[in-house]
Amino acid sequence: MKPYQNLVPDIFDSTAKYLENMNQWSLKRKQQTLPYIAIFYFSVAMFLFIIIVISNMMFAPLSHTGTAASFIKPIISQSESRRLFLHAALIESMFGGLIAGKINEDSFADGLKHVAILSIMSGIAFYLFMH
């Protein structure tokens, strides 16, 4: 019976070391992939900036043109372009968030928090800057 007394603490020690190494590896991987997650957030922010500039600088003036410039009529109305841009921003937020979750936490389901953050960011940008 004496040899088995030292066996149980050794098993627990090796299990504890293994779990500690796994936790350190997971934390290190999350820290190393953080710049890639920032790229997804930056790309959505840049996409929103470009959409807002295009909509406010190009589509808004074109929608108010008179009959003198009828050859410059817009293909779609300003409200249709806003809806199209909002859908494009939400689609980019959805796929960017899912991929960010897969990269950082190794699961698409964990990317839903990134999807929520990016979608809320898109919604706020449209609410504040798209008149």
Foldseek 3Di string as FASTA:
>chain_A
DVVVVVVVVVVVVVVVVVVVVVVVVLVVQLVVCVVVLVVLLVVLVVLLVVLLCCLVVPQVVLQPDDPVPVVSHDPDHSVVSLVVSLVVSLVSQLVSLQVSCCRNVVHSVSSVVSSVVSNVVSVVSCVPRPD
